[in-house]
C-alpha cells in the first residue's frame, strides 16, 4: 500500500459516504444473491458464486468498491491474507488489482473446493488456498509479513479480539487491516493491539473499517 493512500485515508477519516447495500448477516435476497463480482483489475466484472451456506455473508460489491478506494486501486506487489475467505471476494479482488501474494484461508470443505475451482479458472498463480482455522493461520504468519489483512469473520462468532491481535502482529509497518463487524470499532477499542482507525463507514447493519499501526 502506498504512503499516499494511507495519508489520504487518515486525512479524510469518517468522511466516506456509507454504501446503501448490505447483507445484514446473511446473503441479500436480491436477484444478485447467488453471486458477487470482482470490481476492478485484471478480472473486472468476473462473477463469483455465493454458495448457500449458513453464516456466509460476502462483502457486497459497493462496500468492496469503497474499500479499494481507501486502499488505492493499484495493489501491485502487495502481500495479502483473506483470513475468513468464504467466497474469496476480498482476496481475489486484491489479486485482480496486482497483489503479488494472496492467501485465502477457509475452514469449510465445500467453500474451499469452490475457491480451488475459481483459482484454476482464473489461472491465479499468485493465490494460495489454505483450509483451516483463520485465527491459527494468522498466528502462524511471520511477524510483519502481510501488507493487507482482510478480516470478515462470522458476526456471531467470538473471534474478533483474537483475530485483531493476530492480524496486528502479522501486519507490515505500513500495512492495513480491513475489518467488518456488527458494531463500530474506535481507536480506544483497537489501541491495545497498537492499531488505530483511519477510515470507517456503515452499510445497513454492517460496520467496516480500515486500521493501521498507531504511531509509537
Protein backbone atom coordinates (compact mmCIF):
# COMPACT_ATOMS: atom_id res chain seq x y z
CA UNK A 1 0.00 0.00 0.00
CA UNK A 2 1.37 3.39 -0.90
CA UNK A 3 2.12 6.06 1.70
CA UNK A 4 -0.07 8.41 -0.32
CA UNK A 5 -3.11 6.14 0.01
CA UNK A 6 -2.75 5.87 3.77
CA UNK A 7 -2.14 9.61 4.21
CA UNK A 8 -5.27 10.31 2.20
CA UNK A 9 -7.22 7.83 4.32
CA UNK A 10 -6.07 9.47 7.54
CA UNK A 11 -6.85 12.97 6.27
CA UNK A 12 -10.44 12.08 5.39
CA UNK A 13 -11.27 9.77 8.32
CA UNK A 14 -15.01 9.36 8.81
CA UNK A 15 -15.98 11.25 5.65
CA UNK A 16 -16.86 8.26 3.48
CA UNK A 17 -20.44 8.02 2.38
CA UNK A 18 -21.97 4.74 3.55
CA UNK A 19 -22.83 2.21 0.88
CA UNK A 20 -26.54 1.53 0.74
CA UNK A 21 -26.47 -2.19 0.03
CA UNK A 22 -25.99 -4.64 2.89
CA UNK A 23 -26.45 -8.27 3.79
CA UNK A 24 -27.45 -7.88 7.42
CA UNK A 25 -25.51 -11.01 8.34
CA UNK A 26 -26.76 -13.18 5.50
CA UNK A 27 -26.93 -13.24 1.73
CA UNK A 28 -29.04 -10.49 0.22
CA UNK A 29 -32.41 -11.60 -1.17
CA UNK A 30 -31.85 -9.50 -4.32
CA UNK A 31 -31.50 -11.05 -7.76
CA UNK A 32 -27.72 -10.95 -7.32
CA UNK A 33 -27.89 -13.04 -4.13
CA UNK A 34 -26.21 -16.01 -5.80
CA UNK A 35 -23.12 -14.09 -6.90
CA UNK A 36 -20.82 -11.15 -6.32
CA UNK A 37 -18.43 -9.70 -8.86
CA UNK A 38 -14.85 -8.51 -8.98
CA UNK A 39 -14.93 -4.73 -9.23
CA UNK A 40 -11.63 -3.85 -10.91
CA UNK A 41 -8.33 -5.01 -12.30
CA UNK A 42 -7.41 -7.99 -14.43
CA UNK A 43 -10.63 -9.92 -13.71
CA UNK A 44 -13.01 -6.95 -13.64
CA UNK A 45 -16.71 -7.97 -13.83
CA UNK A 46 -15.88 -11.65 -13.21
CA UNK A 47 -18.76 -13.20 -11.26
CA UNK A 48 -18.04 -15.19 -8.11
CA UNK A 49 -20.69 -17.69 -6.97
CA UNK A 50 -22.11 -17.39 -3.47
CA UNK A 51 -22.86 -20.83 -2.05
CA UNK A 52 -25.92 -21.37 0.12
CA UNK A 53 -24.04 -21.86 3.37
CA UNK A 54 -25.08 -20.93 6.92
CA UNK A 55 -23.41 -17.73 8.05
CA UNK A 56 -21.85 -16.93 4.68
CA UNK A 57 -22.06 -13.17 4.27
CA UNK A 58 -19.99 -11.99 1.30
CA UNK A 59 -18.81 -8.38 1.32
CA UNK A 60 -21.15 -6.54 -1.10
CA UNK A 61 -19.77 -5.09 -4.31
CA UNK A 62 -20.27 -1.49 -3.27
CA UNK A 63 -18.54 -1.98 0.06
CA UNK A 64 -15.56 -3.55 -1.69
CA UNK A 65 -15.51 -0.66 -4.14
CA UNK A 66 -15.24 1.76 -1.20
CA UNK A 67 -12.58 -0.39 0.46
CA UNK A 68 -10.35 -0.41 -2.62
CA UNK A 69 -10.80 3.31 -3.00
CA UNK A 70 -9.37 3.55 0.53
CA UNK A 71 -6.52 1.12 -0.14
CA UNK A 72 -5.68 2.51 -3.56
CA UNK A 73 -6.69 0.96 -6.86
CA UNK A 74 -3.22 -0.45 -7.58
CA UNK A 75 -2.22 -3.29 -5.26
CA UNK A 76 0.87 -4.23 -7.26
CA UNK A 77 3.40 -6.22 -5.28
CA UNK A 78 1.44 -6.35 -2.02
CA UNK A 79 1.11 -9.41 0.20
CA UNK A 80 -2.41 -10.08 1.44
CA UNK A 81 -4.34 -12.58 3.54
CA UNK A 82 -8.10 -13.06 3.44
CA UNK A 83 -8.48 -14.85 6.76
CA UNK A 84 -12.20 -15.75 6.61
CA UNK A 85 -12.28 -16.15 2.85
CA UNK A 86 -15.77 -17.54 2.17
CA UNK A 87 -16.36 -16.62 -1.49
CA UNK A 88 -12.82 -15.26 -1.76
CA UNK A 89 -14.15 -11.91 -2.95
CA UNK A 90 -11.76 -9.76 -0.90
CA UNK A 91 -8.61 -11.71 -1.64
CA UNK A 92 -9.42 -12.24 -5.32
CA UNK A 93 -10.18 -8.53 -5.70
CA UNK A 94 -6.70 -7.77 -4.35
CA UNK A 95 -5.15 -10.31 -6.72
CA UNK A 96 -7.07 -8.86 -9.65
CA UNK A 97 -5.53 -5.47 -8.82
CA UNK A 98 -1.96 -6.75 -8.84
CA UNK A 99 -1.25 -8.21 -5.39
CA UNK A 100 1.81 -10.43 -5.62
CA UNK A 101 0.79 -12.99 -3.00
CA UNK A 102 -2.70 -13.67 -1.65
CA UNK A 103 -3.52 -16.29 0.95
CA UNK A 104 -7.16 -17.38 1.25
CA UNK A 105 -7.99 -19.19 4.49
CA UNK A 106 -11.29 -21.06 4.80
CA UNK A 107 -12.41 -23.86 7.12
CA UNK A 108 -15.41 -25.28 5.24
CA UNK A 109 -14.57 -28.02 2.73
CA UNK A 110 -17.31 -27.04 0.29
CA UNK A 111 -16.14 -23.44 0.15
CA UNK A 112 -12.50 -24.50 -0.15
CA UNK A 113 -13.40 -26.64 -3.18
CA UNK A 114 -15.19 -23.68 -4.74
CA UNK A 115 -12.16 -21.47 -4.16
CA UNK A 116 -9.89 -24.03 -5.83
CA UNK A 117 -12.20 -24.08 -8.86
CA UNK A 118 -12.15 -20.28 -9.08
CA UNK A 119 -8.37 -20.03 -8.79
CA UNK A 120 -7.98 -22.67 -11.51
CA UNK A 121 -10.47 -20.90 -13.77
CA UNK A 122 -8.74 -17.53 -13.31
CA UNK A 123 -5.25 -19.05 -13.59
CA UNK A 124 -4.44 -17.10 -10.45
CA UNK A 125 -0.96 -18.33 -9.66
CA UNK A 126 -0.47 -15.64 -7.03
CA UNK A 127 -3.34 -17.01 -4.92
CA UNK A 128 -2.81 -19.72 -2.31
CA UNK A 129 -5.64 -21.55 -0.54
CA UNK A 130 -5.36 -22.98 2.94
CA UNK A 131 -8.07 -24.99 4.61
CA UNK A 132 -8.13 -24.45 8.34
CA UNK A 133 -8.84 -22.15 11.24
CA UNK A 134 -8.44 -18.45 10.43
CA UNK A 135 -7.04 -17.47 13.83
CA UNK A 136 -4.45 -20.24 13.79
CA UNK A 137 -3.45 -19.32 10.25
CA UNK A 138 -2.97 -15.65 11.20
CA UNK A 139 -0.99 -16.57 14.31
CA UNK A 140 1.32 -18.75 12.20
CA UNK A 141 2.23 -15.91 9.82
CA UNK A 142 5.69 -14.40 10.29
CA UNK A 143 5.71 -11.04 12.04
CA UNK A 144 5.26 -8.13 9.63
CA UNK A 145 4.75 -10.43 6.63
CA UNK A 146 1.42 -9.06 5.33
CA UNK A 147 0.65 -5.68 3.77
CA UNK A 148 -3.13 -6.12 3.92
CA UNK A 149 -5.11 -8.37 6.27
CA UNK A 150 -8.80 -8.83 5.44
CA UNK A 151 -10.99 -9.75 8.43
CA UNK A 152 -14.64 -10.53 7.77
CA UNK A 153 -15.48 -13.11 10.44
CA UNK A 154 -18.92 -14.55 11.20
CA UNK A 155 -20.67 -11.86 13.20
CA UNK A 156 -21.94 -14.30 15.82
CA UNK A 157 -18.52 -15.84 16.49
CA UNK A 158 -16.45 -14.59 19.47
CA UNK A 159 -13.27 -14.26 17.40
CA UNK A 160 -12.82 -10.52 16.85
CA UNK A 161 -10.28 -9.90 19.62
CA UNK A 162 -8.12 -12.89 18.72
CA UNK A 163 -8.34 -12.09 15.00
CA UNK A 164 -7.25 -8.48 15.52
CA UNK A 165 -4.41 -9.48 17.85
CA UNK A 166 -3.10 -11.97 15.31
CA UNK A 167 -3.60 -9.57 12.40
CA UNK A 168 -1.66 -6.82 14.17
CA UNK A 169 1.42 -8.98 14.64
CA UNK A 170 1.32 -10.17 11.01
CA UNK A 171 0.93 -6.64 9.61
CA UNK A 172 3.83 -4.87 7.92
CA UNK A 173 4.90 -1.44 9.16
CA UNK A 174 2.88 0.45 6.54
CA UNK A 175 0.14 -2.13 6.07
CA UNK A 176 -3.58 -2.06 6.80
CA UNK A 177 -6.23 -4.29 8.34
CA UNK A 178 -9.74 -4.30 6.86
CA UNK A 179 -12.39 -5.20 9.43
CA UNK A 180 -16.12 -5.90 9.01
CA UNK A 181 -18.13 -6.10 12.21
CA UNK A 182 -21.67 -5.76 13.61
CA UNK A 183 -20.58 -2.68 15.61
CA UNK A 184 -18.35 0.34 15.09
CA UNK A 185 -14.79 -0.06 16.40
CA UNK A 186 -12.93 3.00 17.68
CA UNK A 187 -9.30 3.90 18.36
CA UNK A 188 -9.80 3.02 22.02
CA UNK A 189 -11.09 -0.43 21.04
CA UNK A 190 -8.09 -1.31 18.88
CA UNK A 191 -5.30 0.57 20.65
CA UNK A 192 -4.47 -2.45 22.82
CA UNK A 193 -3.02 -4.08 19.68
CA UNK A 194 -1.17 -0.97 18.60
CA UNK A 195 -3.73 -0.14 15.90
CA UNK A 196 -5.80 2.92 15.01
CA UNK A 197 -8.88 3.50 12.84
CA UNK A 198 -8.10 5.58 9.74
CA UNK A 199 -11.37 5.08 7.87
CA UNK A 200 -14.80 3.71 8.74
CA UNK A 201 -18.28 3.58 7.25
CA UNK A 202 -21.55 1.73 7.64
CA UNK A 203 -23.68 -0.21 5.17
CA UNK A 204 -27.02 -1.11 6.72
CA UNK A 205 -26.15 -3.02 9.90
CA UNK A 206 -22.56 -3.71 8.78
CA UNK A 207 -19.70 -1.52 10.02
CA UNK A 208 -16.47 -1.62 8.09
CA UNK A 209 -13.10 -0.14 8.97
CA UNK A 210 -9.54 0.39 7.78
CA UNK A 211 -6.95 0.07 10.53
CA UNK A 212 -3.20 0.75 10.56
CA UNK A 213 -0.44 0.67 13.11
CA UNK A 214 -0.68 3.56 15.52
CA UNK A 215 2.31 5.87 15.81
CA UNK A 216 4.75 4.73 18.53
